[in-house]
Amino acid sequence: MIERFEDFIVWKKAMRLAVEIYKNLKDCKDFGFRDQIQRAGVSVPSNIAEGFERQYNKEKIQFYYIAKGSCGELRTQLYLAKELNYQKDDIVNDLISKSNEVSAMLYKLIVSRKEKFA
């Protein structure tokens, strides 16, 4: 049984994704965009951690849903970064793929928690 959010695979993947967002868009001159995409990237592991630390299952699920929503926000901004040529397509496509992976893991986690505690 996982006792700390730091041991949660989905949190680890979300953290790596957030770090990659920072590293790959650090030179973006559109400061408003850069700030927004970084905040969306950080929101994912932050909400996973907050959900993990909550006492009640309903609260946990709520924060996992927020993290999943932030994945969607992040992907939208990545598509925009691609359209605006803020980063190379292959890099953006890789980040989108990783965001999709985290989102899918969160979906499975939510379904599992709902079934386990129904």
C-alpha atoms as a PDB file:
ATOM      1  CA  MET A   1       0.000   0.000   0.000  1.00  0.00           C
ATOM      2  CA  ILE A   2       1.271   3.458  -0.884  1.00  0.00           C
ATOM      3  CA  GLU A   3       1.735   5.571   2.232  1.00  0.00           C
ATOM      4  CA  ARG A   4       3.172   8.775   0.731  1.00  0.00           C
ATOM      5  CA  PHE A   5       2.181  10.683  -2.367  1.00  0.00           C
ATOM      6  CA  GLU A   6       5.866  10.774  -3.326  1.00  0.00           C
ATOM      7  CA  ASP A   7       5.627   7.022  -3.991  1.00  0.00           C
ATOM      8  CA  PHE A   8       2.583   7.407  -6.253  1.00  0.00           C
ATOM      9  CA  ILE A   9       3.605   6.633  -9.862  1.00  0.00           C
ATOM     10  CA  VAL A  10       1.085   9.085 -11.312  1.00  0.00           C
ATOM     11  CA  TRP A  11       2.497  11.864  -9.095  1.00  0.00           C
ATOM     12  CA  LYS A  12       6.065  11.032 -10.207  1.00  0.00           C
ATOM     13  CA  LYS A  13       5.070  11.167 -13.882  1.00  0.00           C
ATOM     14  CA  ALA A  14       3.180  14.434 -13.348  1.00  0.00           C
ATOM     15  CA  MET A  15       6.207  15.926 -11.585  1.00  0.00           C
ATOM     16  CA  ARG A  16       8.508  14.939 -14.459  1.00  0.00           C
ATOM     17  CA  LEU A  17       6.038  16.479 -16.896  1.00  0.00           C
ATOM     18  CA  ALA A  18       5.955  19.746 -14.906  1.00  0.00           C
ATOM     19  CA  VAL A  19       9.759  19.896 -14.899  1.00  0.00           C
ATOM     20  CA  GLU A  20       9.828  19.280 -18.656  1.00  0.00           C
ATOM     21  CA  ILE A  21       7.301  22.083 -19.198  1.00  0.00           C
ATOM     22  CA  TYR A  22       9.561  24.479 -17.282  1.00  0.00           C
ATOM     23  CA  LYS A  23      12.711  23.364 -19.097  1.00  0.00           C
ATOM     24  CA  ASN A  24      11.254  23.335 -22.599  1.00  0.00           C
ATOM     25  CA  LEU A  25       9.434  26.661 -22.405  1.00  0.00           C
ATOM     26  CA  LYS A  26      11.871  28.661 -20.270  1.00  0.00           C
ATOM     27  CA  ASP A  27      12.939  30.755 -23.274  1.00  0.00           C
ATOM     28  CA  CYS A  28       9.391  31.582 -24.385  1.00  0.00           C
ATOM     29  CA  LYS A  29       9.131  35.371 -24.721  1.00  0.00           C
ATOM     30  CA  ASP A  30       5.346  35.369 -24.248  1.00  0.00           C
ATOM     31  CA  PHE A  31       5.558  35.745 -20.482  1.00  0.00           C
ATOM     32  CA  GLY A  32       1.814  35.524 -19.877  1.00  0.00           C
ATOM     33  CA  PHE A  33       1.589  32.289 -21.838  1.00  0.00           C
ATOM     34  CA  ARG A  34       4.713  30.863 -20.207  1.00  0.00           C
ATOM     35  CA  ASP A  35       3.367  31.663 -16.740  1.00  0.00           C
ATOM     36  CA  GLN A  36      -0.012  30.088 -17.511  1.00  0.00           C
ATOM     37  CA  ILE A  37       1.374  26.856 -18.966  1.00  0.00           C
ATOM     38  CA  GLN A  38       3.821  26.510 -16.071  1.00  0.00           C
ATOM     39  CA  ARG A  39       1.009  26.988 -13.556  1.00  0.00           C
ATOM     40  CA  ALA A  40      -1.115  24.379 -15.342  1.00  0.00           C
ATOM     41  CA  GLY A  41       1.828  21.973 -15.347  1.00  0.00           C
ATOM     42  CA  VAL A  42       2.460  22.443 -11.631  1.00  0.00           C
ATOM     43  CA  SER A  43      -1.246  22.139 -10.847  1.00  0.00           C
ATOM     44  CA  VAL A  44      -1.322  18.487 -11.902  1.00  0.00           C
ATOM     45  CA  PRO A  45       1.129  16.995  -9.353  1.00  0.00           C
ATOM     46  CA  SER A  46       0.056  19.537  -6.730  1.00  0.00           C
ATOM     47  CA  ASN A  47      -3.572  18.416  -6.885  1.00  0.00           C
ATOM     48  CA  ILE A  48      -2.573  14.751  -6.913  1.00  0.00           C
ATOM     49  CA  ALA A  49      -0.570  15.370  -3.727  1.00  0.00           C
ATOM     50  CA  GLU A  50      -3.376  17.354  -2.107  1.00  0.00           C
ATOM     51  CA  GLY A  51      -5.913  14.672  -2.980  1.00  0.00           C
ATOM     52  CA  PHE A  52      -3.686  11.951  -1.599  1.00  0.00           C
ATOM     53  CA  GLU A  53      -3.367  13.815   1.699  1.00  0.00           C
ATOM     54  CA  ARG A  54      -7.125  14.309   2.109  1.00  0.00           C
ATOM     55  CA  GLN A  55      -8.907  12.135   4.640  1.00  0.00           C
ATOM     56  CA  TYR A  56     -12.152  11.342   2.862  1.00  0.00           C
ATOM     57  CA  ASN A  57     -12.498   9.486  -0.425  1.00  0.00           C
ATOM     58  CA  LYS A  58     -14.903  12.071  -1.869  1.00  0.00           C
ATOM     59  CA  GLU A  59     -12.297  14.799  -1.313  1.00  0.00           C
ATOM     60  CA  LYS A  60      -9.524  12.639  -2.781  1.00  0.00           C
ATOM     61  CA  ILE A  61     -11.552  12.021  -5.932  1.00  0.00           C
ATOM     62  CA  GLN A  62     -12.384  15.728  -6.231  1.00  0.00           C
ATOM     63  CA  PHE A  63      -8.690  16.672  -6.276  1.00  0.00           C
ATOM     64  CA  TYR A  64      -7.860  13.888  -8.726  1.00  0.00           C
ATOM     65  CA  TYR A  65     -10.565  15.296 -11.018  1.00  0.00           C
ATOM     66  CA  ILE A  66      -9.011  18.762 -10.677  1.00  0.00           C
ATOM     67  CA  ALA A  67      -5.610  17.298 -11.609  1.00  0.00           C
ATOM     68  CA  LYS A  68      -7.197  15.579 -14.617  1.00  0.00           C
ATOM     69  CA  GLY A  69      -8.795  18.876 -15.653  1.00  0.00           C
ATOM     70  CA  SER A  70      -5.415  20.574 -15.381  1.00  0.00           C
ATOM     71  CA  CYS A  71      -4.037  17.936 -17.777  1.00  0.00           C
ATOM     72  CA  GLY A  72      -6.644  19.047 -20.302  1.00  0.00           C
ATOM     73  CA  GLU A  73      -5.764  22.692 -19.735  1.00  0.00           C
ATOM     74  CA  LEU A  74      -2.085  21.866 -20.160  1.00  0.00           C
ATOM     75  CA  ARG A  75      -2.670  19.975 -23.416  1.00  0.00           C
ATOM     76  CA  THR A  76      -4.709  22.870 -24.796  1.00  0.00           C
ATOM     77  CA  GLN A  77      -1.830  25.237 -24.060  1.00  0.00           C
ATOM     78  CA  LEU A  78       0.635  22.795 -25.609  1.00  0.00           C
ATOM     79  CA  TYR A  79      -1.430  22.710 -28.813  1.00  0.00           C
ATOM     80  CA  LEU A  80      -1.364  26.503 -28.771  1.00  0.00           C
ATOM     81  CA  ALA A  81       2.421  26.502 -28.229  1.00  0.00           C
ATOM     82  CA  LYS A  82       2.708  24.239 -31.255  1.00  0.00           C
ATOM     83  CA  GLU A  83       0.513  26.483 -33.421  1.00  0.00           C
ATOM     84  CA  LEU A  84       2.483  29.571 -32.359  1.00  0.00           C
ATOM     85  CA  ASN A  85       5.831  27.825 -32.919  1.00  0.00           C
ATOM     86  CA  TYR A  86       6.930  28.421 -29.323  1.00  0.00           C
ATOM     87  CA  GLN A  87       8.702  25.040 -29.345  1.00  0.00           C
ATOM     88  CA  LYS A  88       9.564  22.304 -31.852  1.00  0.00           C
ATOM     89  CA  ASP A  89       6.698  20.024 -32.845  1.00  0.00           C
ATOM     90  CA  ASP A  90       8.422  16.826 -31.703  1.00  0.00           C
ATOM     91  CA  ILE A  91       9.025  18.254 -28.233  1.00  0.00           C
ATOM     92  CA  VAL A  92       5.440  19.503 -27.912  1.00  0.00           C
ATOM     93  CA  ASN A  93       4.062  16.192 -29.213  1.00  0.00           C
ATOM     94  CA  ASP A  94       6.091  14.332 -26.580  1.00  0.00           C
ATOM     95  CA  LEU A  95       4.730  16.598 -23.825  1.00  0.00           C
ATOM     96  CA  ILE A  96       1.172  16.100 -25.106  1.00  0.00           C
ATOM     97  CA  SER A  97       1.694  12.337 -25.074  1.00  0.00           C
ATOM     98  CA  LYS A  98       2.978  12.448 -21.496  1.00  0.00           C
ATOM     99  CA  SER A  99       0.028  14.602 -20.443  1.00  0.00           C
ATOM    100  CA  ASN A 100      -2.352  12.075 -22.024  1.00  0.00           C
ATOM    101  CA  GLU A 101      -0.619   9.284 -20.110  1.00  0.00           C
ATOM    102  CA  VAL A 102      -1.015  11.111 -16.784  1.00  0.00           C
ATOM    103  CA  SER A 103      -4.646  11.902 -17.605  1.00  0.00           C
ATOM    104  CA  ALA A 104      -5.368   8.228 -18.369  1.00  0.00           C
ATOM    105  CA  MET A 105      -3.711   7.170 -15.111  1.00  0.00           C
ATOM    106  CA  LEU A 106      -5.821   9.683 -13.206  1.00  0.00           C
ATOM    107  CA  TYR A 107      -8.975   8.386 -14.879  1.00  0.00           C
ATOM    108  CA  LYS A 108      -8.141   4.828 -13.793  1.00  0.00           C
ATOM    109  CA  LEU A 109      -7.355   6.050 -10.288  1.00  0.00           C
ATOM    110  CA  ILE A 110     -10.685   7.880 -10.038  1.00  0.00           C
ATOM    111  CA  VAL A 111     -12.648   4.865 -11.300  1.00  0.00           C
ATOM    112  CA  SER A 112     -10.778   2.584  -8.907  1.00  0.00           C
ATOM    113  CA  ARG A 113     -11.457   4.833  -5.903  1.00  0.00           C
ATOM    114  CA  LYS A 114     -15.127   5.134  -6.834  1.00  0.00           C
ATOM    115  CA  GLU A 115     -15.515   1.358  -7.136  1.00  0.00           C
ATOM    116  CA  LYS A 116     -13.524   0.579  -4.011  1.00  0.00           C
ATOM    117  CA  PHE A 117     -15.416   3.003  -1.796  1.00  0.00           C
ATOM    118  CA  ALA A 118     -18.882   2.912  -3.384  1.00  0.00           C
END
